[in-house]
Amino acid sequence: MALSHARVVVREKTPFAHEERAVDFALGALPDRDPFHAWALVELLDPSTGGLHEIDLIVLGYGALYVVEIKSFPGRIEGDGRDWIWTPPGE
């Protein structure tokens, strides 16, 4: 069963259709039970610069808080905290 609206704490709007689809997919895949909650498309203000930073999705799960960055590249993206590698489809 998909995560209910009561468990989605914040859900801002985005001008990007791929972000909306990805958030819908993730929320639909999460179970509707404790401890799962989500914050989607959240903007945070950096008080030192005045800049806004968007976090695509934050999920509270068992023993962890997951921060999800949504990308719309076809193929496979993998990496670590510093470097990302994009492999186009068919390679």
PDB file of N, CA and C in Angstrom:
ATOM      1  N   MET A   1       0.847  -1.187   0.000  1.00  0.00           N
ATOM      2  CA  MET A   1       0.000   0.000   0.000  1.00  0.00           C
ATOM      3  C   MET A   1       0.888   1.244   0.000  1.00  0.00           C
ATOM      4  N   ALA A   2       0.561   2.236  -0.785  1.00  0.00           N
ATOM      5  CA  ALA A   2       1.347   3.457  -0.915  1.00  0.00           C
ATOM      6  C   ALA A   2       1.303   4.293   0.359  1.00  0.00           C
ATOM      7  N   LEU A   3       2.321   5.101   0.526  1.00  0.00           N
ATOM      8  CA  LEU A   3       2.399   6.013   1.658  1.00  0.00           C
ATOM      9  C   LEU A   3       1.222   6.987   1.595  1.00  0.00           C
ATOM     10  N   SER A   4       0.451   7.074   2.674  1.00  0.00           N
ATOM     11  CA  SER A   4      -0.739   7.931   2.686  1.00  0.00           C
ATOM     12  C   SER A   4      -0.351   9.400   2.777  1.00  0.00           C
ATOM     13  N   HIS A   5      -1.268  10.267   2.402  1.00  0.00           N
ATOM     14  CA  HIS A   5      -1.019  11.714   2.430  1.00  0.00           C
ATOM     15  C   HIS A   5      -0.705  12.200   3.846  1.00  0.00           C
ATOM     16  N   ALA A   6      -1.229  11.527   4.853  1.00  0.00           N
ATOM     17  CA  ALA A   6      -0.968  11.926   6.240  1.00  0.00           C
ATOM     18  C   ALA A   6       0.494  11.717   6.621  1.00  0.00           C
ATOM     19  N   ARG A   7       1.195  10.846   5.913  1.00  0.00           N
ATOM     20  CA  ARG A   7       2.604  10.574   6.207  1.00  0.00           C
ATOM     21  C   ARG A   7       3.551  11.410   5.354  1.00  0.00           C
ATOM     22  N   VAL A   8       3.021  12.173   4.419  1.00  0.00           N
ATOM     23  CA  VAL A   8       3.848  13.073   3.613  1.00  0.00           C
ATOM     24  C   VAL A   8       3.756  14.431   4.278  1.00  0.00           C
ATOM     25  N   VAL A   9       4.816  14.792   4.995  1.00  0.00           N
ATOM     26  CA  VAL A   9       4.772  15.971   5.849  1.00  0.00           C
ATOM     27  C   VAL A   9       4.764  17.260   5.034  1.00  0.00           C
ATOM     28  N   VAL A  10       5.607  17.339   4.003  1.00  0.00           N
ATOM     29  CA  VAL A  10       5.674  18.525   3.150  1.00  0.00           C
ATOM     30  C   VAL A  10       5.732  18.050   1.708  1.00  0.00           C
ATOM     31  N   ARG A  11       5.007  18.712   0.852  1.00  0.00           N
ATOM     32  CA  ARG A  11       5.084  18.407  -0.573  1.00  0.00           C
ATOM     33  C   ARG A  11       4.911  19.700  -1.342  1.00  0.00           C
ATOM     34  N   GLU A  12       6.041  20.295  -1.722  1.00  0.00           N
ATOM     35  CA  GLU A  12       6.024  21.524  -2.505  1.00  0.00           C
ATOM     36  C   GLU A  12       5.786  21.175  -3.972  1.00  0.00           C
ATOM     37  N   LYS A  13       5.611  22.181  -4.791  1.00  0.00           N
ATOM     38  CA  LYS A  13       5.425  21.981  -6.230  1.00  0.00           C
ATOM     39  C   LYS A  13       6.746  22.218  -6.940  1.00  0.00           C
ATOM     40  N   THR A  14       6.901  21.609  -8.092  1.00  0.00           N
ATOM     41  CA  THR A  14       8.092  21.776  -8.906  1.00  0.00           C
ATOM     42  C   THR A  14       7.675  22.028 -10.354  1.00  0.00           C
ATOM     43  N   PRO A  15       8.457  22.808 -11.094  1.00  0.00           N
ATOM     44  CA  PRO A  15       8.148  23.002 -12.513  1.00  0.00           C
ATOM     45  C   PRO A  15       8.620  21.828 -13.376  1.00  0.00           C
ATOM     46  N   PHE A  16       9.306  20.858 -12.778  1.00  0.00           N
ATOM     47  CA  PHE A  16       9.888  19.756 -13.539  1.00  0.00           C
ATOM     48  C   PHE A  16       9.030  18.495 -13.428  1.00  0.00           C
ATOM     49  N   ALA A  17       8.499  18.059 -14.556  1.00  0.00           N
ATOM     50  CA  ALA A  17       7.616  16.892 -14.582  1.00  0.00           C
ATOM     51  C   ALA A  17       8.336  15.628 -14.125  1.00  0.00           C
ATOM     52  N   HIS A  18       9.629  15.494 -14.455  1.00  0.00           N
ATOM     53  CA  HIS A  18      10.352  14.280 -14.051  1.00  0.00           C
ATOM     54  C   HIS A  18      10.482  14.189 -12.532  1.00  0.00           C
ATOM     55  N   GLU A  19      10.584  15.316 -11.838  1.00  0.00           N
ATOM     56  CA  GLU A  19      10.637  15.295 -10.376  1.00  0.00           C
ATOM     57  C   GLU A  19       9.294  14.867  -9.789  1.00  0.00           C
ATOM     58  N   GLU A  20       8.208  15.382 -10.347  1.00  0.00           N
ATOM     59  CA  GLU A  20       6.872  14.985  -9.877  1.00  0.00           C
ATOM     60  C   GLU A  20       6.660  13.482 -10.058  1.00  0.00           C
ATOM     61  N   ARG A  21       7.031  12.963 -11.240  1.00  0.00           N
ATOM     62  CA  ARG A  21       6.867  11.528 -11.502  1.00  0.00           C
ATOM     63  C   ARG A  21       7.722  10.688 -10.553  1.00  0.00           C
ATOM     64  N   ALA A  22       8.952  11.118 -10.324  1.00  0.00           N
ATOM     65  CA  ALA A  22       9.849  10.364  -9.445  1.00  0.00           C
ATOM     66  C   ALA A  22       9.354  10.367  -8.003  1.00  0.00           C
ATOM     67  N   VAL A  23       8.873  11.515  -7.528  1.00  0.00           N
ATOM     68  CA  VAL A  23       8.332  11.589  -6.166  1.00  0.00           C
ATOM     69  C   VAL A  23       7.092  10.712  -6.055  1.00  0.00           C
ATOM     70  N   ASP A  24       6.200  10.777  -7.041  1.00  0.00           N
ATOM     71  CA  ASP A  24       5.001   9.927  -7.033  1.00  0.00           C
ATOM     72  C   ASP A  24       5.386   8.446  -6.986  1.00  0.00           C
ATOM     73  N   PHE A  25       6.403   8.072  -7.778  1.00  0.00           N
ATOM     74  CA  PHE A  25       6.869   6.687  -7.799  1.00  0.00           C
ATOM     75  C   PHE A  25       7.383   6.272  -6.422  1.00  0.00           C
ATOM     76  N   ALA A  26       8.232   7.102  -5.810  1.00  0.00           N
ATOM     77  CA  ALA A  26       8.815   6.776  -4.506  1.00  0.00           C
ATOM     78  C   ALA A  26       7.746   6.685  -3.427  1.00  0.00           C
ATOM     79  N   LEU A  27       6.842   7.657  -3.388  1.00  0.00           N
ATOM     80  CA  LEU A  27       5.789   7.636  -2.367  1.00  0.00           C
ATOM     81  C   LEU A  27       4.857   6.450  -2.554  1.00  0.00           C
ATOM     82  N   GLY A  28       4.653   6.041  -3.801  1.00  0.00           N
ATOM     83  CA  GLY A  28       3.824   4.882  -4.077  1.00  0.00           C
ATOM     84  C   GLY A  28       4.485   3.569  -3.683  1.00  0.00           C
ATOM     85  N   ALA A  29       5.816   3.568  -3.601  1.00  0.00           N
ATOM     86  CA  ALA A  29       6.542   2.348  -3.251  1.00  0.00           C
ATOM     87  C   ALA A  29       6.762   2.189  -1.752  1.00  0.00           C
ATOM     88  N   LEU A  30       6.607   3.265  -1.004  1.00  0.00           N
ATOM     89  CA  LEU A  30       6.846   3.205   0.445  1.00  0.00           C
ATOM     90  C   LEU A  30       5.643   2.626   1.171  1.00  0.00           C
ATOM     91  N   PRO A  31       5.876   1.805   2.194  1.00  0.00           N
ATOM     92  CA  PRO A  31       4.758   1.229   2.947  1.00  0.00           C
ATOM     93  C   PRO A  31       4.080   2.266   3.835  1.00  0.00           C
ATOM     94  N   ASP A  32       2.792   2.135   3.994  1.00  0.00           N
ATOM     95  CA  ASP A  32       1.997   3.080   4.785  1.00  0.00           C
ATOM     96  C   ASP A  32       1.921   2.609   6.240  1.00  0.00           C
ATOM     97  N   ARG A  33       3.080   2.618   6.906  1.00  0.00           N
ATOM     98  CA  ARG A  33       3.139   2.207   8.317  1.00  0.00           C
ATOM     99  C   ARG A  33       4.343   2.879   8.967  1.00  0.00           C
ATOM    100  N   ASP A  34       4.350   2.853  10.292  1.00  0.00           N
ATOM    101  CA  ASP A  34       5.471   3.422  11.027  1.00  0.00           C
ATOM    102  C   ASP A  34       6.736   2.638  10.740  1.00  0.00           C
ATOM    103  N   PRO A  35       7.852   3.312  10.650  1.00  0.00           N
ATOM    104  CA  PRO A  35       8.132   4.707  10.947  1.00  0.00           C
ATOM    105  C   PRO A  35       8.129   5.603   9.713  1.00  0.00           C
ATOM    106  N   PHE A  36       7.643   5.107   8.569  1.00  0.00           N
ATOM    107  CA  PHE A  36       7.822   5.810   7.298  1.00  0.00           C
ATOM    108  C   PHE A  36       7.056   7.130   7.223  1.00  0.00           C
ATOM    109  N   HIS A  37       7.806   8.190   6.911  1.00  0.00           N
ATOM    110  CA  HIS A  37       7.277   9.524   6.616  1.00  0.00           C
ATOM    111  C   HIS A  37       8.146  10.114   5.512  1.00  0.00           C
ATOM    112  N   ALA A  38       7.624  11.089   4.788  1.00  0.00           N
ATOM    113  CA  ALA A  38       8.398  11.689   3.705  1.00  0.00           C
ATOM    114  C   ALA A  38       8.198  13.197   3.666  1.00  0.00           C
ATOM    115  N   TRP A  39       9.238  13.879   3.232  1.00  0.00           N
ATOM    116  CA  TRP A  39       9.224  15.309   2.949  1.00  0.00           C
ATOM    117  C   TRP A  39       9.671  15.422   1.502  1.00  0.00           C
ATOM    118  N   ALA A  40       8.825  15.945   0.642  1.00  0.00           N
ATOM    119  CA  ALA A  40       9.129  15.971  -0.792  1.00  0.00           C
ATOM    120  C   ALA A  40       9.261  17.391  -1.305  1.00  0.00           C
ATOM    121  N   LEU A  41      10.304  17.605  -2.121  1.00  0.00           N
ATOM    122  CA  LEU A  41      10.538  18.877  -2.800  1.00  0.00           C
ATOM    123  C   LEU A  41      10.563  20.040  -1.802  1.00  0.00           C
ATOM    124  N   VAL A  42      11.433  19.906  -0.824  1.00  0.00           N
ATOM    125  CA  VAL A  42      11.561  20.877   0.255  1.00  0.00           C
ATOM    126  C   VAL A  42      12.637  21.903  -0.095  1.00  0.00           C
ATOM    127  N   GLU A  43      12.367  23.174   0.155  1.00  0.00           N
ATOM    128  CA  GLU A  43      13.375  24.218  -0.035  1.00  0.00           C
ATOM    129  C   GLU A  43      13.899  24.662   1.320  1.00  0.00           C
ATOM    130  N   LEU A  44      15.229  24.721   1.436  1.00  0.00           N
ATOM    131  CA  LEU A  44      15.873  25.166   2.659  1.00  0.00           C
ATOM    132  C   LEU A  44      16.616  26.464   2.387  1.00  0.00           C
ATOM    133  N   LEU A  45      16.508  27.402   3.289  1.00  0.00           N
ATOM    134  CA  LEU A  45      17.189  28.691   3.163  1.00  0.00           C
ATOM    135  C   LEU A  45      18.534  28.617   3.857  1.00  0.00           C
ATOM    136  N   ASP A  46      19.598  28.996   3.138  1.00  0.00           N
ATOM    137  CA  ASP A  46      20.930  29.106   3.730  1.00  0.00           C
ATOM    138  C   ASP A  46      21.055  30.516   4.283  1.00  0.00           C
ATOM    139  N   PRO A  47      21.017  30.704   5.612  1.00  0.00           N
ATOM    140  CA  PRO A  47      21.015  32.049   6.172  1.00  0.00           C
ATOM    141  C   PRO A  47      22.315  32.809   5.928  1.00  0.00           C
ATOM    142  N   SER A  48      23.416  32.101   5.671  1.00  0.00           N
ATOM    143  CA  SER A  48      24.678  32.794   5.451  1.00  0.00           C
ATOM    144  C   SER A  48      24.762  33.450   4.075  1.00  0.00           C
ATOM    145  N   THR A  49      24.038  32.886   3.085  1.00  0.00           N
ATOM    146  CA  THR A  49      24.095  33.443   1.731  1.00  0.00           C
ATOM    147  C   THR A  49      22.745  33.935   1.228  1.00  0.00           C
ATOM    148  N   GLY A  50      21.668  33.500   1.874  1.00  0.00           N
ATOM    149  CA  GLY A  50      20.338  33.831   1.388  1.00  0.00           C
ATOM    150  C   GLY A  50      19.878  32.931   0.259  1.00  0.00           C
ATOM    151  N   GLY A  51      20.705  31.943  -0.105  1.00  0.00           N
ATOM    152  CA  GLY A  51      20.360  31.040  -1.201  1.00  0.00           C
ATOM    153  C   GLY A  51      19.387  29.952  -0.780  1.00  0.00           C
ATOM    154  N   LEU A  52      18.582  29.528  -1.734  1.00  0.00           N
ATOM    155  CA  LEU A  52      17.651  28.427  -1.506  1.00  0.00           C
ATOM    156  C   LEU A  52      18.249  27.142  -2.059  1.00  0.00           C
ATOM    157  N   HIS A  53      18.092  26.056  -1.314  1.00  0.00           N
ATOM    158  CA  HIS A  53      18.556  24.748  -1.744  1.00  0.00           C
ATOM    159  C   HIS A  53      17.370  23.797  -1.698  1.00  0.00           C
ATOM    160  N   GLU A  54      17.152  23.088  -2.801  1.00  0.00           N
ATOM    161  CA  GLU A  54      16.037  22.142  -2.843  1.00  0.00           C
ATOM    162  C   GLU A  54      16.523  20.737  -2.525  1.00  0.00           C
ATOM    163  N   ILE A  55      15.802  20.080  -1.642  1.00  0.00           N
ATOM    164  CA  ILE A  55      16.004  18.657  -1.383  1.00  0.00           C
ATOM    165  C   ILE A  55      14.821  17.956  -2.030  1.00  0.00           C
ATOM    166  N   ASP A  56      15.119  17.041  -2.938  1.00  0.00           N
ATOM    167  CA  ASP A  56      14.057  16.393  -3.704  1.00  0.00           C
ATOM    168  C   ASP A  56      13.174  15.511  -2.831  1.00  0.00           C
ATOM    169  N   LEU A  57      13.785  14.690  -1.983  1.00  0.00           N
ATOM    170  CA  LEU A  57      12.990  13.786  -1.157  1.00  0.00           C
ATOM    171  C   LEU A  57      13.787  13.380   0.074  1.00  0.00           C
ATOM    172  N   ILE A  58      13.144  13.451   1.216  1.00  0.00           N
ATOM    173  CA  ILE A  58      13.696  12.947   2.470  1.00  0.00           C
ATOM    174  C   ILE A  58      12.723  11.884   2.964  1.00  0.00           C
ATOM    175  N   VAL A  59      13.250  10.714   3.307  1.00  0.00           N
ATOM    176  CA  VAL A  59      12.407   9.617   3.780  1.00  0.00           C
ATOM    177  C   VAL A  59      12.908   9.159   5.137  1.00  0.00           C
ATOM    178  N   LEU A  60      12.004   9.131   6.105  1.00  0.00           N
ATOM    179  CA  LEU A  60      12.302   8.553   7.404  1.00  0.00           C
ATOM    180  C   LEU A  60      11.945   7.081   7.338  1.00  0.00           C
ATOM    181  N   GLY A  61      12.946   6.224   7.549  1.00  0.00           N
ATOM    182  CA  GLY A  61      12.729   4.782   7.508  1.00  0.00           C
ATOM    183  C   GLY A  61      13.260   4.145   8.772  1.00  0.00           C
ATOM    184  N   TYR A  62      13.420   2.847   8.743  1.00  0.00           N
ATOM    185  CA  TYR A  62      13.930   2.132   9.908  1.00  0.00           C
ATOM    186  C   TYR A  62      15.390   2.508  10.148  1.00  0.00           C
ATOM    187  N   GLY A  63      15.664   3.163  11.246  1.00  0.00           N
ATOM    188  CA  GLY A  63      17.031   3.456  11.660  1.00  0.00           C
ATOM    189  C   GLY A  63      17.788   4.443  10.806  1.00  0.00           C
ATOM    190  N   ALA A  64      17.141   5.145   9.904  1.00  0.00           N
ATOM    191  CA  ALA A  64      17.868   6.077   9.044  1.00  0.00           C
ATOM    192  C   ALA A  64      16.937   7.141   8.470  1.00  0.00           C
ATOM    193  N   LEU A  65      17.547   8.237   8.094  1.00  0.00           N
ATOM    194  CA  LEU A  65      16.881   9.307   7.358  1.00  0.00           C
ATOM    195  C   LEU A  65      17.569   9.353   6.000  1.00  0.00           C
ATOM    196  N   TYR A  66      16.827   9.094   4.923  1.00  0.00           N
ATOM    197  CA  TYR A  66      17.390   9.012   3.582  1.00  0.00           C
ATOM    198  C   TYR A  66      17.149  10.314   2.833  1.00  0.00           C
ATOM    199  N   VAL A  67      18.196  10.840   2.202  1.00  0.00           N
ATOM    200  CA  VAL A  67      18.094  12.023   1.360  1.00  0.00           C
ATOM    201  C   VAL A  67      18.249  11.555  -0.082  1.00  0.00           C
ATOM    202  N   VAL A  68      17.242  11.845  -0.914  1.00  0.00           N
ATOM    203  CA  VAL A  68      17.207  11.346  -2.295  1.00  0.00           C
ATOM    204  C   VAL A  68      17.337  12.517  -3.251  1.00  0.00           C
ATOM    205  N   GLU A  69      18.280  12.424  -4.170  1.00  0.00           N
ATOM    206  CA  GLU A  69      18.457  13.411  -5.237  1.00  0.00           C
ATOM    207  C   GLU A  69      17.916  12.801  -6.518  1.00  0.00           C
ATOM    208  N   ILE A  70      16.967  13.450  -7.155  1.00  0.00           N
ATOM    209  CA  ILE A  70      16.324  12.924  -8.358  1.00  0.00           C
ATOM    210  C   ILE A  70      17.037  13.476  -9.590  1.00  0.00           C
ATOM    211  N   LYS A  71      17.365  12.591 -10.517  1.00  0.00           N
ATOM    212  CA  LYS A  71      17.971  12.957 -11.796  1.00  0.00           C
ATOM    213  C   LYS A  71      17.106  12.410 -12.916  1.00  0.00           C
ATOM    214  N   SER A  72      17.222  13.006 -14.102  1.00  0.00           N
ATOM    215  CA  SER A  72      16.394  12.545 -15.217  1.00  0.00           C
ATOM    216  C   SER A  72      17.237  12.065 -16.395  1.00  0.00           C
ATOM    217  N   PHE A  73      18.398  11.537 -16.120  1.00  0.00           N
ATOM    218  CA  PHE A  73      19.253  11.013 -17.182  1.00  0.00           C
ATOM    219  C   PHE A  73      18.840   9.589 -17.519  1.00  0.00           C
ATOM    220  N   PRO A  74      18.735   9.243 -18.821  1.00  0.00           N
ATOM    221  CA  PRO A  74      18.510   7.839 -19.158  1.00  0.00           C
ATOM    222  C   PRO A  74      19.803   7.068 -18.922  1.00  0.00           C
ATOM    223  N   GLY A  75      19.685   5.800 -18.597  1.00  0.00           N
ATOM    224  CA  GLY A  75      20.877   4.993 -18.356  1.00  0.00           C
ATOM    225  C   GLY A  75      21.065   4.737 -16.882  1.00  0.00           C
ATOM    226  N   ARG A  76      22.316   4.578 -16.488  1.00  0.00           N
ATOM    227  CA  ARG A  76      22.641   4.237 -15.100  1.00  0.00           C
ATOM    228  C   ARG A  76      23.554   5.297 -14.502  1.00  0.00           C
ATOM    229  N   ILE A  77      23.215   5.751 -13.301  1.00  0.00           N
ATOM    230  CA  ILE A  77      24.047   6.705 -12.567  1.00  0.00           C
ATOM    231  C   ILE A  77      24.455   6.030 -11.269  1.00  0.00           C
ATOM    232  N   GLU A  78      25.749   6.049 -10.990  1.00  0.00           N
ATOM    233  CA  GLU A  78      26.233   5.489  -9.736  1.00  0.00           C
ATOM    234  C   GLU A  78      27.391   6.333  -9.248  1.00  0.00           C
ATOM    235  N   GLY A  79      27.709   6.195  -8.004  1.00  0.00           N
ATOM    236  CA  GLY A  79      28.813   6.959  -7.471  1.00  0.00           C
ATOM    237  C   GLY A  79      28.869   6.912  -5.968  1.00  0.00           C
ATOM    238  N   ASP A  80      29.573   7.893  -5.417  1.00  0.00           N
ATOM    239  CA  ASP A  80      29.725   7.972  -3.970  1.00  0.00           C
ATOM    240  C   ASP A  80      29.439   9.402  -3.537  1.00  0.00           C
ATOM    241  N   GLY A  81      29.906   9.786  -2.378  1.00  0.00           N
ATOM    242  CA  GLY A  81      29.651  11.125  -1.871  1.00  0.00           C
ATOM    243  C   GLY A  81      30.332  12.232  -2.650  1.00  0.00           C
ATOM    244  N   ARG A  82      31.260  11.887  -3.533  1.00  0.00           N
ATOM    245  CA  ARG A  82      32.010  12.913  -4.254  1.00  0.00           C
ATOM    246  C   ARG A  82      31.899  12.814  -5.774  1.00  0.00           C
ATOM    247  N   ASP A  83      31.984  11.623  -6.312  1.00  0.00           N
ATOM    248  CA  ASP A  83      32.034  11.438  -7.768  1.00  0.00           C
ATOM    249  C   ASP A  83      30.834  10.655  -8.270  1.00  0.00           C
ATOM    250  N   TRP A  84      30.340  11.075  -9.458  1.00  0.00           N
ATOM    251  CA  TRP A  84      29.213  10.401 -10.103  1.00  0.00           C
ATOM    252  C   TRP A  84      29.670   9.899 -11.462  1.00  0.00           C
ATOM    253  N   ILE A  85      29.191   8.713 -11.847  1.00  0.00           N
ATOM    254  CA  ILE A  85      29.496   8.153 -13.151  1.00  0.00           C
ATOM    255  C   ILE A  85      28.183   7.870 -13.867  1.00  0.00           C
ATOM    256  N   TRP A  86      28.059   8.395 -15.080  1.00  0.00           N
ATOM    257  CA  TRP A  86      26.855   8.188 -15.886  1.00  0.00           C
ATOM    258  C   TRP A  86      27.182   7.245 -17.017  1.00  0.00           C
ATOM    259  N   THR A  87      26.437   6.160 -17.122  1.00  0.00           N
ATOM    260  CA  THR A  87      26.584   5.208 -18.213  1.00  0.00           C
ATOM    261  C   THR A  87      25.325   5.293 -19.060  1.00  0.00           C
ATOM    262  N   PRO A  88      25.453   5.794 -20.319  1.00  0.00           N
ATOM    263  CA  PRO A  88      24.276   5.908 -21.188  1.00  0.00           C
ATOM    264  C   PRO A  88      23.666   4.536 -21.470  1.00  0.00           C
ATOM    265  N   PRO A  89      22.383   4.511 -21.872  1.00  0.00           N
ATOM    266  CA  PRO A  89      21.736   3.233 -22.187  1.00  0.00           C
ATOM    267  C   PRO A  89      22.508   2.475 -23.271  1.00  0.00           C
ATOM    268  N   GLY A  90      22.588   1.164 -23.114  1.00  0.00           N
ATOM    269  CA  GLY A  90      23.244   0.331 -24.113  1.00  0.00           C
ATOM    270  C   GLY A  90      24.745   0.220 -23.966  1.00  0.00           C
ATOM    271  N   GLU A  91      25.341   0.880 -22.991  1.00  0.00           N
ATOM    272  CA  GLU A  91      26.798   0.778 -22.796  1.00  0.00           C
ATOM    273  C   GLU A  91      27.112  -0.051 -21.588  1.00  0.00           C
TER     274      GLU A  91
END
